[in-house]
C-alpha atoms as a PDB file:
ATOM      1  CA  UNK A   1     -21.513   4.271  14.118  1.00  0.00           C
ATOM      2  CA  UNK A   2     -20.336   2.986  17.506  1.00  0.00           C
ATOM      3  CA  UNK A   3     -18.131   4.190  20.326  1.00  0.00           C
ATOM      4  CA  UNK A   4     -14.878   2.371  21.162  1.00  0.00           C
ATOM      5  CA  UNK A   5     -13.184   3.009  24.513  1.00  0.00           C
ATOM      6  CA  UNK A   6      -9.404   2.888  24.306  1.00  0.00           C
ATOM      7  CA  UNK A   7      -6.151   3.598  26.142  1.00  0.00           C
ATOM      8  CA  UNK A   8      -3.039   5.034  24.493  1.00  0.00           C
ATOM      9  CA  UNK A   9       0.474   3.908  25.503  1.00  0.00           C
ATOM     10  CA  UNK A  10       3.961   4.153  24.091  1.00  0.00           C
ATOM     11  CA  UNK A  11       7.128   2.152  24.593  1.00  0.00           C
ATOM     12  CA  UNK A  12      10.069   4.462  23.815  1.00  0.00           C
ATOM     13  CA  UNK A  13       7.970   6.321  21.238  1.00  0.00           C
ATOM     14  CA  UNK A  14       6.567   3.158  19.637  1.00  0.00           C
ATOM     15  CA  UNK A  15       2.897   3.932  20.278  1.00  0.00           C
ATOM     16  CA  UNK A  16      -0.203   1.780  20.544  1.00  0.00           C
ATOM     17  CA  UNK A  17      -3.955   1.907  21.061  1.00  0.00           C
ATOM     18  CA  UNK A  18      -5.130  -0.688  23.610  1.00  0.00           C
ATOM     19  CA  UNK A  19      -8.671  -2.026  23.959  1.00  0.00           C
ATOM     20  CA  UNK A  20      -9.931  -4.188  26.840  1.00  0.00           C
ATOM     21  CA  UNK A  21     -12.167  -6.894  25.340  1.00  0.00           C
ATOM     22  CA  UNK A  22     -12.592  -9.128  28.410  1.00  0.00           C
ATOM     23  CA  UNK A  23     -16.259  -8.294  28.932  1.00  0.00           C
ATOM     24  CA  UNK A  24     -17.158  -6.982  25.484  1.00  0.00           C
ATOM     25  CA  UNK A  25     -15.375  -7.638  22.200  1.00  0.00           C
ATOM     26  CA  UNK A  26     -16.261  -4.988  19.582  1.00  0.00           C
ATOM     27  CA  UNK A  27     -14.749  -7.260  16.908  1.00  0.00           C
ATOM     28  CA  UNK A  28     -12.975  -4.465  15.077  1.00  0.00           C
ATOM     29  CA  UNK A  29     -12.531  -4.903  11.329  1.00  0.00           C
ATOM     30  CA  UNK A  30      -9.287  -4.293   9.432  1.00  0.00           C
ATOM     31  CA  UNK A  31     -10.713  -1.034   8.102  1.00  0.00           C
ATOM     32  CA  UNK A  32     -11.764   0.136  11.567  1.00  0.00           C
ATOM     33  CA  UNK A  33      -8.363  -0.657  13.079  1.00  0.00           C
ATOM     34  CA  UNK A  34      -6.614   1.189  10.252  1.00  0.00           C
ATOM     35  CA  UNK A  35      -8.923   4.165  10.840  1.00  0.00           C
ATOM     36  CA  UNK A  36      -8.220   4.205  14.599  1.00  0.00           C
ATOM     37  CA  UNK A  37      -4.449   4.059  14.001  1.00  0.00           C
ATOM     38  CA  UNK A  38      -4.514   6.777  11.332  1.00  0.00           C
ATOM     39  CA  UNK A  39      -2.561   9.826  12.512  1.00  0.00           C
ATOM     40  CA  UNK A  40      -4.888  12.345  10.854  1.00  0.00           C
ATOM     41  CA  UNK A  41      -8.328  10.736  10.951  1.00  0.00           C
ATOM     42  CA  UNK A  42      -8.001   8.603  14.081  1.00  0.00           C
ATOM     43  CA  UNK A  43      -6.178   8.336  17.399  1.00  0.00           C
ATOM     44  CA  UNK A  44      -2.819   7.758  15.732  1.00  0.00           C
ATOM     45  CA  UNK A  45      -0.605   4.765  16.527  1.00  0.00           C
ATOM     46  CA  UNK A  46       1.912   2.268  15.157  1.00  0.00           C
ATOM     47  CA  UNK A  47      -0.477  -0.528  16.092  1.00  0.00           C
ATOM     48  CA  UNK A  48      -3.518  -1.640  18.073  1.00  0.00           C
ATOM     49  CA  UNK A  49      -3.714  -4.371  20.714  1.00  0.00           C
ATOM     50  CA  UNK A  50      -6.605  -6.074  22.418  1.00  0.00           C
ATOM     51  CA  UNK A  51      -6.393  -7.518  25.929  1.00  0.00           C
ATOM     52  CA  UNK A  52      -8.618 -10.545  26.266  1.00  0.00           C
ATOM     53  CA  UNK A  53      -9.357 -13.274  28.793  1.00  0.00           C
ATOM     54  CA  UNK A  54      -7.710 -16.686  28.731  1.00  0.00           C
ATOM     55  CA  UNK A  55      -9.179 -20.080  29.565  1.00  0.00           C
ATOM     56  CA  UNK A  56      -5.750 -21.046  30.910  1.00  0.00           C
ATOM     57  CA  UNK A  57      -5.744 -20.270  34.645  1.00  0.00           C
ATOM     58  CA  UNK A  58      -1.964 -19.785  34.589  1.00  0.00           C
ATOM     59  CA  UNK A  59      -2.367 -16.981  32.062  1.00  0.00           C
ATOM     60  CA  UNK A  60      -3.409 -13.450  33.074  1.00  0.00           C
ATOM     61  CA  UNK A  61      -4.561 -12.314  29.627  1.00  0.00           C
ATOM     62  CA  UNK A  62      -4.280 -12.793  25.879  1.00  0.00           C
ATOM     63  CA  UNK A  63      -2.542 -10.202  23.722  1.00  0.00           C
ATOM     64  CA  UNK A  64      -3.603  -9.820  20.088  1.00  0.00           C
ATOM     65  CA  UNK A  65      -1.608  -7.347  18.024  1.00  0.00           C
ATOM     66  CA  UNK A  66      -2.550  -5.553  14.804  1.00  0.00           C
ATOM     67  CA  UNK A  67      -0.305  -3.336  12.700  1.00  0.00           C
ATOM     68  CA  UNK A  68      -1.498   0.129  11.753  1.00  0.00           C
ATOM     69  CA  UNK A  69      -2.632  -1.245   8.386  1.00  0.00           C
ATOM     70  CA  UNK A  70      -5.311  -3.212  10.260  1.00  0.00           C
ATOM     71  CA  UNK A  71      -3.767  -6.623   9.650  1.00  0.00           C
ATOM     72  CA  UNK A  72      -3.171  -9.087  12.494  1.00  0.00           C
ATOM     73  CA  UNK A  73       0.560  -9.295  13.075  1.00  0.00           C
ATOM     74  CA  UNK A  74       3.207 -11.325  14.883  1.00  0.00           C
ATOM     75  CA  UNK A  75       4.787 -10.574  18.259  1.00  0.00           C
ATOM     76  CA  UNK A  76       5.578  -6.968  19.215  1.00  0.00           C
ATOM     77  CA  UNK A  77       8.152  -6.480  21.983  1.00  0.00           C
ATOM     78  CA  UNK A  78       7.241  -2.896  22.830  1.00  0.00           C
ATOM     79  CA  UNK A  79       3.594  -3.857  22.563  1.00  0.00           C
ATOM     80  CA  UNK A  80       4.165  -6.665  25.054  1.00  0.00           C
ATOM     81  CA  UNK A  81       5.704  -4.213  27.495  1.00  0.00           C
ATOM     82  CA  UNK A  82       2.899  -1.657  27.010  1.00  0.00           C
ATOM     83  CA  UNK A  83       0.143  -4.222  27.461  1.00  0.00           C
ATOM     84  CA  UNK A  84       1.867  -5.328  30.670  1.00  0.00           C
ATOM     85  CA  UNK A  85       1.508  -1.778  32.013  1.00  0.00           C
ATOM     86  CA  UNK A  86      -2.110  -1.733  30.821  1.00  0.00           C
ATOM     87  CA  UNK A  87      -2.806  -5.021  32.618  1.00  0.00           C
ATOM     88  CA  UNK A  88      -1.242  -3.568  35.762  1.00  0.00           C
ATOM     89  CA  UNK A  89      -3.568  -0.559  35.555  1.00  0.00           C
ATOM     90  CA  UNK A  90      -6.512  -2.953  35.211  1.00  0.00           C
ATOM     91  CA  UNK A  91      -5.507  -4.757  38.410  1.00  0.00           C
ATOM     92  CA  UNK A  92      -4.194  -7.938  36.786  1.00  0.00           C
ATOM     93  CA  UNK A  93      -0.958  -9.727  37.603  1.00  0.00           C
ATOM     94  CA  UNK A  94       0.568 -11.164  40.741  1.00  0.00           C
ATOM     95  CA  UNK A  95       2.587  -9.406  43.435  1.00  0.00           C
ATOM     96  CA  UNK A  96       5.884 -11.072  44.280  1.00  0.00           C
ATOM     97  CA  UNK A  97       6.132 -11.292  48.054  1.00  0.00           C
ATOM     98  CA  UNK A  98       9.925 -11.250  47.894  1.00  0.00           C
ATOM     99  CA  UNK A  99      10.462  -7.928  46.124  1.00  0.00           C
ATOM    100  CA  UNK A 100       6.955  -6.459  45.849  1.00  0.00           C
ATOM    101  CA  UNK A 101       7.032  -6.290  42.046  1.00  0.00           C
ATOM    102  CA  UNK A 102       4.105  -7.390  39.893  1.00  0.00           C
ATOM    103  CA  UNK A 103       4.561 -10.229  37.417  1.00  0.00           C
ATOM    104  CA  UNK A 104       2.401 -11.349  34.502  1.00  0.00           C
ATOM    105  CA  UNK A 105       1.954 -14.357  32.240  1.00  0.00           C
ATOM    106  CA  UNK A 106       0.233 -13.805  28.915  1.00  0.00           C
ATOM    107  CA  UNK A 107      -0.274 -15.467  25.569  1.00  0.00           C
ATOM    108  CA  UNK A 108       0.774 -13.701  22.366  1.00  0.00           C
ATOM    109  CA  UNK A 109       1.165 -14.716  18.728  1.00  0.00           C
ATOM    110  CA  UNK A 110       4.383 -16.626  19.408  1.00  0.00           C
ATOM    111  CA  UNK A 111       3.310 -18.320  22.634  1.00  0.00           C
ATOM    112  CA  UNK A 112       3.491 -17.659  26.379  1.00  0.00           C
ATOM    113  CA  UNK A 113       5.406 -14.677  27.731  1.00  0.00           C
ATOM    114  CA  UNK A 114       6.425 -13.629  31.231  1.00  0.00           C
ATOM    115  CA  UNK A 115       6.764  -9.941  32.118  1.00  0.00           C
ATOM    116  CA  UNK A 116       7.540  -7.875  35.190  1.00  0.00           C
ATOM    117  CA  UNK A 117       6.802  -4.310  36.277  1.00  0.00           C
ATOM    118  CA  UNK A 118      10.207  -3.153  37.497  1.00  0.00           C
ATOM    119  CA  UNK A 119       8.847   0.323  38.216  1.00  0.00           C
ATOM    120  CA  UNK A 120       5.529   2.137  37.868  1.00  0.00           C
ATOM    121  CA  UNK A 121       4.399   5.595  38.954  1.00  0.00           C
ATOM    122  CA  UNK A 122       0.620   6.020  39.109  1.00  0.00           C
ATOM    123  CA  UNK A 123       0.820   9.823  38.979  1.00  0.00           C
ATOM    124  CA  UNK A 124       3.012  10.212  35.904  1.00  0.00           C
ATOM    125  CA  UNK A 125       1.954   6.963  34.227  1.00  0.00           C
ATOM    126  CA  UNK A 126       5.586   6.130  33.513  1.00  0.00           C
ATOM    127  CA  UNK A 127       7.228   2.792  34.181  1.00  0.00           C
ATOM    128  CA  UNK A 128       9.885   0.263  33.330  1.00  0.00           C
ATOM    129  CA  UNK A 129       8.946  -3.228  32.104  1.00  0.00           C
ATOM    130  CA  UNK A 130      11.037  -6.367  31.639  1.00  0.00           C
ATOM    131  CA  UNK A 131       9.642  -8.797  29.066  1.00  0.00           C
ATOM    132  CA  UNK A 132      10.672 -12.378  28.364  1.00  0.00           C
ATOM    133  CA  UNK A 133      11.160 -12.956  24.644  1.00  0.00           C
ATOM    134  CA  UNK A 134      11.242 -16.197  22.657  1.00  0.00           C
ATOM    135  CA  UNK A 135      14.370 -18.315  22.402  1.00  0.00           C
ATOM    136  CA  UNK A 136      16.295 -18.166  19.133  1.00  0.00           C
ATOM    137  CA  UNK A 137      18.256 -21.079  17.687  1.00  0.00           C
ATOM    138  CA  UNK A 138      21.811 -20.208  16.645  1.00  0.00           C
ATOM    139  CA  UNK A 139      21.254 -22.019  13.330  1.00  0.00           C
ATOM    140  CA  UNK A 140      18.248 -19.760  12.738  1.00  0.00           C
ATOM    141  CA  UNK A 141      20.459 -16.656  12.622  1.00  0.00           C
ATOM    142  CA  UNK A 142      21.341 -16.659   8.934  1.00  0.00           C
ATOM    143  CA  UNK A 143      23.709 -14.502   6.888  1.00  0.00           C
ATOM    144  CA  UNK A 144      21.720 -12.640   4.264  1.00  0.00           C
ATOM    145  CA  UNK A 145      22.693  -9.844   1.842  1.00  0.00           C
ATOM    146  CA  UNK A 146      25.114  -7.685   3.874  1.00  0.00           C
ATOM    147  CA  UNK A 147      23.585  -8.613   7.222  1.00  0.00           C
ATOM    148  CA  UNK A 148      21.671 -11.259   9.162  1.00  0.00           C
ATOM    149  CA  UNK A 149      18.124 -12.608   9.190  1.00  0.00           C
ATOM    150  CA  UNK A 150      16.396 -14.045  12.264  1.00  0.00           C
ATOM    151  CA  UNK A 151      13.009 -14.303  13.950  1.00  0.00           C
ATOM    152  CA  UNK A 152      12.625 -12.916  17.480  1.00  0.00           C
ATOM    153  CA  UNK A 153       8.847 -13.226  17.477  1.00  0.00           C
ATOM    154  CA  UNK A 154       8.748 -11.223  14.242  1.00  0.00           C
ATOM    155  CA  UNK A 155      11.111 -11.556  11.250  1.00  0.00           C
ATOM    156  CA  UNK A 156      14.046  -9.130  11.164  1.00  0.00           C
ATOM    157  CA  UNK A 157      16.860  -8.348   8.772  1.00  0.00           C
ATOM    158  CA  UNK A 158      19.736  -6.592  10.573  1.00  0.00           C
ATOM    159  CA  UNK A 159      22.538  -4.712   8.817  1.00  0.00           C
ATOM    160  CA  UNK A 160      25.469  -2.599  10.006  1.00  0.00           C
ATOM    161  CA  UNK A 161      25.838   0.822   8.360  1.00  0.00           C
ATOM    162  CA  UNK A 162      27.952   3.949   8.802  1.00  0.00           C
ATOM    163  CA  UNK A 163      26.589   7.324   9.950  1.00  0.00           C
ATOM    164  CA  UNK A 164      23.231   5.865  10.971  1.00  0.00           C
ATOM    165  CA  UNK A 165      22.039   9.225  12.252  1.00  0.00           C
ATOM    166  CA  UNK A 166      21.832  10.511   8.668  1.00  0.00           C
ATOM    167  CA  UNK A 167      21.078   7.191   6.960  1.00  0.00           C
ATOM    168  CA  UNK A 168      18.005   6.959   4.691  1.00  0.00           C
ATOM    169  CA  UNK A 169      16.231   4.331   6.789  1.00  0.00           C
ATOM    170  CA  UNK A 170      12.900   4.805   5.033  1.00  0.00           C
ATOM    171  CA  UNK A 171      14.066   4.267   1.441  1.00  0.00           C
ATOM    172  CA  UNK A 172      16.659   1.595   2.169  1.00  0.00           C
ATOM    173  CA  UNK A 173      14.411  -0.188   4.640  1.00  0.00           C
ATOM    174  CA  UNK A 174      11.454  -0.193   2.276  1.00  0.00           C
ATOM    175  CA  UNK A 175      13.538  -1.641  -0.558  1.00  0.00           C
ATOM    176  CA  UNK A 176      14.791  -4.542   1.583  1.00  0.00           C
ATOM    177  CA  UNK A 177      11.376  -5.098   3.201  1.00  0.00           C
ATOM    178  CA  UNK A 178       9.851  -5.561  -0.270  1.00  0.00           C
ATOM    179  CA  UNK A 179      12.501  -7.928  -1.627  1.00  0.00           C
ATOM    180  CA  UNK A 180      10.072 -10.718  -2.528  1.00  0.00           C
ATOM    181  CA  UNK A 181      12.795 -13.095  -3.686  1.00  0.00           C
ATOM    182  CA  UNK A 182      14.455 -13.157  -0.244  1.00  0.00           C
ATOM    183  CA  UNK A 183      11.461 -12.304   1.941  1.00  0.00           C
ATOM    184  CA  UNK A 184       8.208 -13.546   0.354  1.00  0.00           C
ATOM    185  CA  UNK A 185       6.196 -12.449   3.424  1.00  0.00           C
ATOM    186  CA  UNK A 186       8.200  -9.256   3.887  1.00  0.00           C
ATOM    187  CA  UNK A 187      10.453  -8.455   6.840  1.00  0.00           C
ATOM    188  CA  UNK A 188      11.228  -5.774   9.378  1.00  0.00           C
ATOM    189  CA  UNK A 189      14.561  -4.067   8.709  1.00  0.00           C
ATOM    190  CA  UNK A 190      17.035  -2.893  11.380  1.00  0.00           C
ATOM    191  CA  UNK A 191      20.113  -0.779  10.756  1.00  0.00           C
ATOM    192  CA  UNK A 192      22.752  -0.725  13.490  1.00  0.00           C
ATOM    193  CA  UNK A 193      25.924   1.199  14.354  1.00  0.00           C
ATOM    194  CA  UNK A 194      28.359   1.002  17.264  1.00  0.00           C
ATOM    195  CA  UNK A 195      28.559   4.265  19.237  1.00  0.00           C
ATOM    196  CA  UNK A 196      31.727   5.647  20.826  1.00  0.00           C
ATOM    197  CA  UNK A 197      30.295   5.110  24.332  1.00  0.00           C
ATOM    198  CA  UNK A 198      29.924   1.368  23.745  1.00  0.00           C
ATOM    199  CA  UNK A 199      26.173   1.340  23.089  1.00  0.00           C
ATOM    200  CA  UNK A 200      24.485   0.093  19.915  1.00  0.00           C
ATOM    201  CA  UNK A 201      22.374   2.570  17.921  1.00  0.00           C
ATOM    202  CA  UNK A 202      19.371   0.911  16.226  1.00  0.00           C
ATOM    203  CA  UNK A 203      16.861   2.326  13.733  1.00  0.00           C
ATOM    204  CA  UNK A 204      14.021   0.190  12.334  1.00  0.00           C
ATOM    205  CA  UNK A 205      11.724   0.163   9.310  1.00  0.00           C
ATOM    206  CA  UNK A 206       8.639  -1.821  10.377  1.00  0.00           C
ATOM    207  CA  UNK A 207       6.609  -4.071   8.154  1.00  0.00           C
ATOM    208  CA  UNK A 208       2.881  -3.302   8.473  1.00  0.00           C
ATOM    209  CA  UNK A 209       3.554   0.240   9.657  1.00  0.00           C
ATOM    210  CA  UNK A 210       5.485   0.744   6.404  1.00  0.00           C
ATOM    211  CA  UNK A 211       7.628   3.451   7.918  1.00  0.00           C
ATOM    212  CA  UNK A 212      10.386   3.952  10.437  1.00  0.00           C
ATOM    213  CA  UNK A 213       9.231   3.710  14.046  1.00  0.00           C
ATOM    214  CA  UNK A 214      10.978   5.321  17.004  1.00  0.00           C
ATOM    215  CA  UNK A 215      11.747   1.919  18.502  1.00  0.00           C
ATOM    216  CA  UNK A 216      10.988  -1.750  17.873  1.00  0.00           C
ATOM    217  CA  UNK A 217      11.215  -4.313  20.662  1.00  0.00           C
ATOM    218  CA  UNK A 218      11.713  -7.408  18.529  1.00  0.00           C
ATOM    219  CA  UNK A 219      14.125  -5.398  16.361  1.00  0.00           C
ATOM    220  CA  UNK A 220      16.154  -4.265  19.349  1.00  0.00           C
ATOM    221  CA  UNK A 221      16.298  -7.895  20.495  1.00  0.00           C
ATOM    222  CA  UNK A 222      17.392  -9.122  17.058  1.00  0.00           C
ATOM    223  CA  UNK A 223      20.053  -6.410  16.861  1.00  0.00           C
ATOM    224  CA  UNK A 224      21.414  -7.307  20.304  1.00  0.00           C
ATOM    225  CA  UNK A 225      21.668 -11.001  19.391  1.00  0.00           C
ATOM    226  CA  UNK A 226      23.553 -10.525  16.115  1.00  0.00           C
ATOM    227  CA  UNK A 227      25.878  -7.851  17.561  1.00  0.00           C
ATOM    228  CA  UNK A 228      26.375  -9.321  21.031  1.00  0.00           C
ATOM    229  CA  UNK A 229      25.649  -5.884  22.499  1.00  0.00           C
ATOM    230  CA  UNK A 230      22.600  -5.517  24.767  1.00  0.00           C
ATOM    231  CA  UNK A 231      23.073  -1.813  25.537  1.00  0.00           C
ATOM    232  CA  UNK A 232      20.749  -0.263  22.972  1.00  0.00           C
ATOM    233  CA  UNK A 233      19.804   3.297  22.069  1.00  0.00           C
ATOM    234  CA  UNK A 234      16.923   4.141  19.708  1.00  0.00           C
ATOM    235  CA  UNK A 235      15.301   7.376  18.602  1.00  0.00           C
ATOM    236  CA  UNK A 236      12.684   6.875  21.328  1.00  0.00           C
ATOM    237  CA  UNK A 237      14.814   5.749  24.265  1.00  0.00           C
ATOM    238  CA  UNK A 238      17.260   3.262  25.717  1.00  0.00           C
ATOM    239  CA  UNK A 239      16.884  -0.507  26.129  1.00  0.00           C
ATOM    240  CA  UNK A 240      18.644  -3.367  27.819  1.00  0.00           C
ATOM    241  CA  UNK A 241      18.632  -6.810  26.216  1.00  0.00           C
ATOM    242  CA  UNK A 242      19.878  -9.847  28.134  1.00  0.00           C
ATOM    243  CA  UNK A 243      20.424 -13.366  26.821  1.00  0.00           C
ATOM    244  CA  UNK A 244      22.546 -16.463  27.309  1.00  0.00           C
ATOM    245  CA  UNK A 245      24.150 -18.169  24.333  1.00  0.00           C
ATOM    246  CA  UNK A 246      24.206 -21.746  25.588  1.00  0.00           C
ATOM    247  CA  UNK A 247      24.762 -24.691  23.308  1.00  0.00           C
ATOM    248  CA  UNK A 248      22.953 -24.035  20.062  1.00  0.00           C
ATOM    249  CA  UNK A 249      20.339 -21.606  21.415  1.00  0.00           C
ATOM    250  CA  UNK A 250      20.028 -18.028  22.655  1.00  0.00           C
ATOM    251  CA  UNK A 251      18.103 -18.586  25.897  1.00  0.00           C
ATOM    252  CA  UNK A 252      16.776 -16.433  28.755  1.00  0.00           C
ATOM    253  CA  UNK A 253      16.145 -13.525  26.397  1.00  0.00           C
ATOM    254  CA  UNK A 254      14.810 -10.450  28.212  1.00  0.00           C
ATOM    255  CA  UNK A 255      13.918  -7.012  26.870  1.00  0.00           C
ATOM    256  CA  UNK A 256      13.789  -4.104  29.352  1.00  0.00           C
ATOM    257  CA  UNK A 257      12.671  -0.596  28.466  1.00  0.00           C
ATOM    258  CA  UNK A 258      10.415   2.364  29.305  1.00  0.00           C
ATOM    259  CA  UNK A 259       6.627   2.521  28.970  1.00  0.00           C
ATOM    260  CA  UNK A 260       4.274   5.493  29.259  1.00  0.00           C
ATOM    261  CA  UNK A 261       0.500   5.785  29.611  1.00  0.00           C
ATOM    262  CA  UNK A 262      -0.468   8.722  27.383  1.00  0.00           C
ATOM    263  CA  UNK A 263      -4.249   9.102  27.709  1.00  0.00           C
ATOM    264  CA  UNK A 264      -7.597   7.313  27.457  1.00  0.00           C
ATOM    265  CA  UNK A 265     -10.649   8.221  25.429  1.00  0.00           C
ATOM    266  CA  UNK A 266     -13.499   7.168  23.186  1.00  0.00           C
ATOM    267  CA  UNK A 267     -13.521   7.202  19.404  1.00  0.00           C
ATOM    268  CA  UNK A 268     -16.616   7.008  17.185  1.00  0.00           C
ATOM    269  CA  UNK A 269     -16.180   4.701  14.206  1.00  0.00           C
END
């Protein structure tokens, strides 16, 4: 048995356990990560991230993300925003002399990312983070089934549906996620609907979590790109997605949304 110190964050209800491994890496196994993320036997989370050091002096930290099943996963947009807040709490980042905001450069599964603390309150542990996402080629947004397939750091299938509030996201999402003929490695599944106020409602079934999550950063980004609407509402909160469709590429893709520090603790595993 050993003790693991951790911090718990959420990005619009998409929650994560974060572990600082800069001075000591506990080298968690798949089984241990799954145990920590378990909502009855562990801390409970949609995923776990480690914050490590980088040999690149232009990089503030390295983000490694694991799904709640313990398997190392691809990029997580809400995770990237939460780990930015974590890094800020740890005293990392750089203060912009022009506007006083803190900025960060970090390496994730899909390469280098830039993020910015737009707002942070030390007392409440609540903030707003803007995260730079990967570019997406227009030719890489493909029609598939009744929707679209694209990779925004993680693979996503996006489909429009009616009455999304009462839609069976779990069953329908699981069926599409496990379509081995179309998605040999599986895929995240986003269902979208236009709201009367002009916003886009998004609900996501996440691969690796194997359930619906309250929000998904890469899913929100994928949904904004295929719909052209960056005003997003999810079960966990609201997002803003910005991008420029120039030439054959969606460039300058930014995801902005809320983050919250929940608590810190120690778990024996």
